[in-house]
Amino acid sequence: MSQLNKSLFFLISFFGIISSNAQNEVYKTEAVIADTTFVNLKDYSSDFIYDMKYATEDNFLKAKVYDCAECLLRLKTVKALIAANNDFMKKGFRIKIYDCYRPLSIQKKMWEIVSNPEYVADPKKGSIHNRGGAVDISIVDSNGKEANMGTPFDFFGIKASHNYVQLPKSVLSNRKFLKKIMIKNGFNSFDSEWWHYNLKTGLKDKVSNQKWNCD
């Protein structure tokens, strides 16, 4: 091979490598998902237990308001929730989910059924559930038995409050354990509801009416 041909071969190979790397970089950039994107939790982890109450009539509304039992959240909430669940699993527990993201249209439907701000957030203001940054949860042990938290989910009374201490030591211990792990992983508790946790970085996200596919 002549010196000229060798030089041409080198240049073609060199720019071919650059072009290939550039294409890979573009692909990687396009594949990145923003932390505020809505995603389905089940696409990121199979380690959760689901009891999506509002996809049934087993809730305080006595009405099914979700078409199907899907848990959508913003990606950053999913990441934090998976991290928390990993901590629970190290202790022999897993997160049980009652509710996740709630579209604004569903919030309006709930408000029509129970128009009381003590029980349902006014859709004019929206809640962090409508922002994709809140979850309603409990924990279950390795046998699938739910930890005793003193009241059922969506119990509207003083006994559901974190500040209520007239409960058995085991119940207080379970609530403390749940709260400790969730706070460690970037969530805030909600004083009047032991089951409700907000992602700290999700409070300023916009209210959304994102829908999900039930097929």
Protein backbone atom coordinates (compact mmCIF):
# COMPACT_ATOMS: atom_id res chain seq x y z
CA MET A 1 0.00 0.00 0.00
CA SER A 2 1.41 3.38 -0.97
CA GLN A 3 2.03 6.10 1.59
CA LEU A 4 -0.85 8.11 0.07
CA ASN A 5 -3.26 5.20 0.38
CA LYS A 6 -2.14 4.56 3.93
CA SER A 7 -2.83 8.17 4.81
CA LEU A 8 -6.26 8.10 3.20
CA PHE A 9 -7.12 4.83 5.02
CA PHE A 10 -6.07 6.34 8.33
CA LEU A 11 -8.16 9.47 7.81
CA ILE A 12 -11.25 7.50 6.77
CA SER A 13 -10.93 5.20 9.80
CA PHE A 14 -10.31 8.10 12.16
CA PHE A 15 -13.34 10.11 11.05
CA GLY A 16 -15.44 6.94 10.98
CA ILE A 17 -14.67 6.39 14.66
CA ILE A 18 -15.51 10.01 15.46
CA SER A 19 -18.78 9.77 13.55
CA SER A 20 -19.71 6.55 15.34
CA ASN A 21 -18.91 8.02 18.76
CA ALA A 22 -20.89 11.15 17.92
CA GLN A 23 -23.90 9.05 16.95
CA ASN A 24 -23.61 7.12 20.22
CA GLU A 25 -23.45 10.36 22.18
CA VAL A 26 -26.58 11.66 20.41
CA TYR A 27 -28.37 8.39 21.17
CA LYS A 28 -27.39 8.58 24.83
CA THR A 29 -28.59 12.17 25.04
CA GLU A 30 -31.94 11.30 23.45
CA ALA A 31 -32.38 8.33 25.81
CA VAL A 32 -32.09 10.44 28.97
CA ILE A 33 -35.44 10.88 30.74
CA ALA A 34 -36.08 14.03 32.76
CA ASP A 35 -36.69 13.49 36.48
CA THR A 36 -40.07 15.21 36.18
CA THR A 37 -41.33 12.76 33.52
CA PHE A 38 -44.29 10.61 34.54
CA VAL A 39 -43.44 6.90 34.52
CA ASN A 40 -45.08 3.68 35.69
CA LEU A 41 -43.50 2.29 38.85
CA LYS A 42 -43.89 -1.31 37.70
CA ASP A 43 -41.59 -0.56 34.74
CA TYR A 44 -38.78 0.22 37.18
CA SER A 45 -39.28 -2.33 39.96
CA SER A 46 -41.23 -5.51 40.70
CA ASP A 47 -40.57 -5.35 44.44
CA PHE A 48 -43.71 -3.51 45.54
CA ILE A 49 -47.07 -4.78 46.79
CA TYR A 50 -50.13 -3.03 45.34
CA ASP A 51 -53.53 -2.40 46.88
CA MET A 52 -54.70 0.54 44.81
CA LYS A 53 -57.79 1.47 46.79
CA TYR A 54 -59.30 4.01 44.40
CA ALA A 55 -59.35 1.46 41.59
CA THR A 56 -61.90 -0.39 43.77
CA GLU A 57 -64.91 0.53 45.88
CA ASP A 58 -62.97 -0.34 49.04
CA ASN A 59 -62.28 3.26 50.04
CA PHE A 60 -63.89 6.08 51.99
CA LEU A 61 -65.62 7.34 48.82
CA LYS A 62 -67.30 3.94 48.37
CA ALA A 63 -66.70 4.46 44.66
CA LYS A 64 -64.22 3.32 42.02
CA VAL A 65 -62.64 6.45 40.54
CA TYR A 66 -59.63 4.95 38.70
CA ASP A 67 -60.19 2.90 35.55
CA CYS A 68 -57.28 0.61 36.45
CA ALA A 69 -54.78 0.02 39.24
CA GLU A 70 -51.65 1.71 37.92
CA CYS A 71 -49.05 3.61 39.94
CA LEU A 72 -47.70 6.55 37.96
CA LEU A 73 -45.24 8.98 39.55
CA ARG A 74 -42.61 11.42 38.40
CA LEU A 75 -39.31 9.65 37.79
CA LYS A 76 -37.58 11.35 40.72
CA THR A 77 -40.33 10.09 43.04
CA VAL A 78 -39.91 6.57 41.66
CA LYS A 79 -36.16 6.69 42.26
CA ALA A 80 -36.62 7.81 45.86
CA LEU A 81 -39.37 5.26 46.49
CA ILE A 82 -37.24 2.40 45.15
CA ALA A 83 -34.36 3.51 47.37
CA ALA A 84 -36.68 3.49 50.38
CA ASN A 85 -38.05 0.06 49.44
CA ASN A 86 -34.51 -1.29 49.19
CA ASP A 87 -33.90 -0.13 52.76
CA PHE A 88 -37.11 -1.81 53.92
CA MET A 89 -36.21 -5.06 52.15
CA LYS A 90 -32.90 -5.16 54.03
CA LYS A 91 -35.04 -5.33 57.18
CA GLY A 92 -37.41 -7.98 55.80
CA PHE A 93 -40.22 -5.66 54.70
CA ARG A 94 -41.61 -4.21 51.46
CA ILE A 95 -43.72 -1.17 50.65
CA LYS A 96 -47.42 -1.69 50.05
CA ILE A 97 -48.95 1.03 47.86
CA TYR A 98 -52.47 2.41 48.23
CA ASP A 99 -52.26 5.47 45.98
CA CYS A 100 -49.76 7.31 43.79
CA TYR A 101 -50.20 10.05 41.22
CA ARG A 102 -53.77 11.26 40.89
CA PRO A 103 -54.81 13.12 37.71
CA LEU A 104 -56.60 16.41 38.31
CA SER A 105 -59.70 15.01 36.58
CA ILE A 106 -59.85 12.28 39.24
CA GLN A 107 -59.38 14.88 41.98
CA LYS A 108 -62.42 16.70 40.61
CA LYS A 109 -64.40 13.47 40.57
CA MET A 110 -63.47 12.78 44.21
CA TRP A 111 -64.45 16.34 45.14
CA GLU A 112 -67.86 15.84 43.55
CA ILE A 113 -68.41 12.79 45.77
CA VAL A 114 -67.01 14.29 48.99
CA SER A 115 -66.75 18.11 48.87
CA ASN A 116 -64.99 18.43 52.20
CA PRO A 117 -61.40 19.78 52.35
CA GLU A 118 -60.80 17.78 55.53
CA TYR A 119 -61.01 14.60 53.45
CA VAL A 120 -60.38 15.63 49.83
CA ALA A 121 -58.12 18.40 48.52
CA ASP A 122 -60.01 21.09 46.61
CA PRO A 123 -59.10 20.59 42.91
CA LYS A 124 -58.91 24.38 42.51
CA LYS A 125 -55.71 24.22 44.54
CA GLY A 126 -54.72 20.64 43.82
CA SER A 127 -52.64 18.39 46.03
CA ILE A 128 -49.17 16.91 45.76
CA HIS A 129 -50.89 13.70 44.62
CA ASN A 130 -51.86 15.71 41.52
CA ARG A 131 -48.21 16.68 41.09
CA GLY A 132 -46.84 13.14 41.04
CA GLY A 133 -44.86 13.60 44.24
CA ALA A 134 -46.98 11.82 46.85
CA VAL A 135 -47.60 8.21 47.82
CA ASP A 136 -49.95 6.55 50.29
CA ILE A 137 -48.22 3.48 51.68
CA SER A 138 -47.75 0.93 54.42
CA ILE A 139 -45.29 -1.97 54.79
CA VAL A 140 -45.68 -5.75 54.77
CA ASP A 141 -43.40 -8.45 56.14
CA SER A 142 -41.85 -11.35 54.21
CA ASN A 143 -45.12 -13.30 54.54
CA GLY A 144 -47.15 -10.44 53.07
CA LYS A 145 -48.67 -9.49 56.42
CA GLU A 146 -49.20 -5.77 56.79
CA ALA A 147 -47.60 -4.08 59.79
CA ASN A 148 -50.13 -2.90 62.37
CA MET A 149 -50.34 0.89 62.06
CA GLY A 150 -53.22 1.34 64.48
CA THR A 151 -55.85 2.37 61.93
CA PRO A 152 -56.79 1.38 58.38
CA PHE A 153 -55.69 3.47 55.40
CA ASP A 154 -57.85 6.60 54.96
CA PHE A 155 -59.05 6.57 58.56
CA PHE A 156 -60.06 10.15 59.23
CA GLY A 157 -59.60 10.63 62.94
CA ILE A 158 -57.05 11.62 65.54
CA LYS A 159 -55.72 8.07 65.84
CA ALA A 160 -54.26 8.29 62.32
CA SER A 161 -52.02 11.19 63.31
CA HIS A 162 -48.28 10.82 63.86
CA ASN A 163 -48.76 13.01 66.92
CA TYR A 164 -51.23 10.62 68.56
CA VAL A 165 -49.31 8.47 71.03
CA GLN A 166 -52.09 6.67 72.92
CA LEU A 167 -51.40 3.51 70.95
CA PRO A 168 -49.65 0.19 71.64
CA LYS A 169 -45.86 0.37 71.58
CA SER A 170 -45.75 -1.98 68.60
CA VAL A 171 -47.93 0.39 66.54
CA LEU A 172 -45.85 3.42 67.48
CA SER A 173 -42.71 1.45 66.60
CA ASN A 174 -44.11 0.50 63.18
CA ARG A 175 -45.05 4.09 62.38
CA LYS A 176 -41.64 5.31 63.54
CA PHE A 177 -39.90 2.71 61.37
CA LEU A 178 -41.94 3.69 58.30
CA LYS A 179 -41.33 7.40 58.88
CA LYS A 180 -37.59 7.00 59.53
CA ILE A 181 -36.89 5.15 56.28
CA MET A 182 -39.06 7.44 54.17
CA ILE A 183 -37.52 10.63 55.56
CA LYS A 184 -34.04 9.17 55.04
CA ASN A 185 -34.89 8.80 51.36
CA GLY A 186 -36.13 12.30 50.71
CA PHE A 187 -39.78 12.22 51.78
CA ASN A 188 -41.76 14.28 54.29
CA SER A 189 -44.52 12.86 56.44
CA PHE A 190 -48.01 14.32 56.72
CA ASP A 191 -48.97 14.86 60.37
CA SER A 192 -52.60 13.73 60.23
CA GLU A 193 -52.09 10.65 58.01
CA TRP A 194 -49.50 8.00 58.92
CA TRP A 195 -49.69 6.57 55.35
CA HIS A 196 -49.04 9.76 53.36
CA TYR A 197 -45.55 10.81 52.23
CA ASN A 198 -44.47 13.70 50.00
CA LEU A 199 -41.23 13.88 48.06
CA LYS A 200 -39.52 17.05 49.28
CA THR A 201 -38.36 18.03 45.80
CA GLY A 202 -41.83 17.48 44.32
CA LEU A 203 -43.68 20.22 46.16
CA LYS A 204 -43.14 22.84 43.47
CA ASP A 205 -43.98 20.68 40.46
CA LYS A 206 -47.08 21.66 38.51
CA VAL A 207 -50.49 20.08 38.99
CA SER A 208 -51.05 17.69 36.09
CA ASN A 209 -53.83 15.79 34.36
CA GLN A 210 -51.53 13.14 32.91
CA LYS A 211 -53.50 10.02 31.97
CA TRP A 212 -52.32 6.41 31.85
CA ASN A 213 -53.07 3.54 29.53
CA CYS A 214 -55.24 0.78 30.97
CA ASP A 215 -54.73 -1.67 28.09
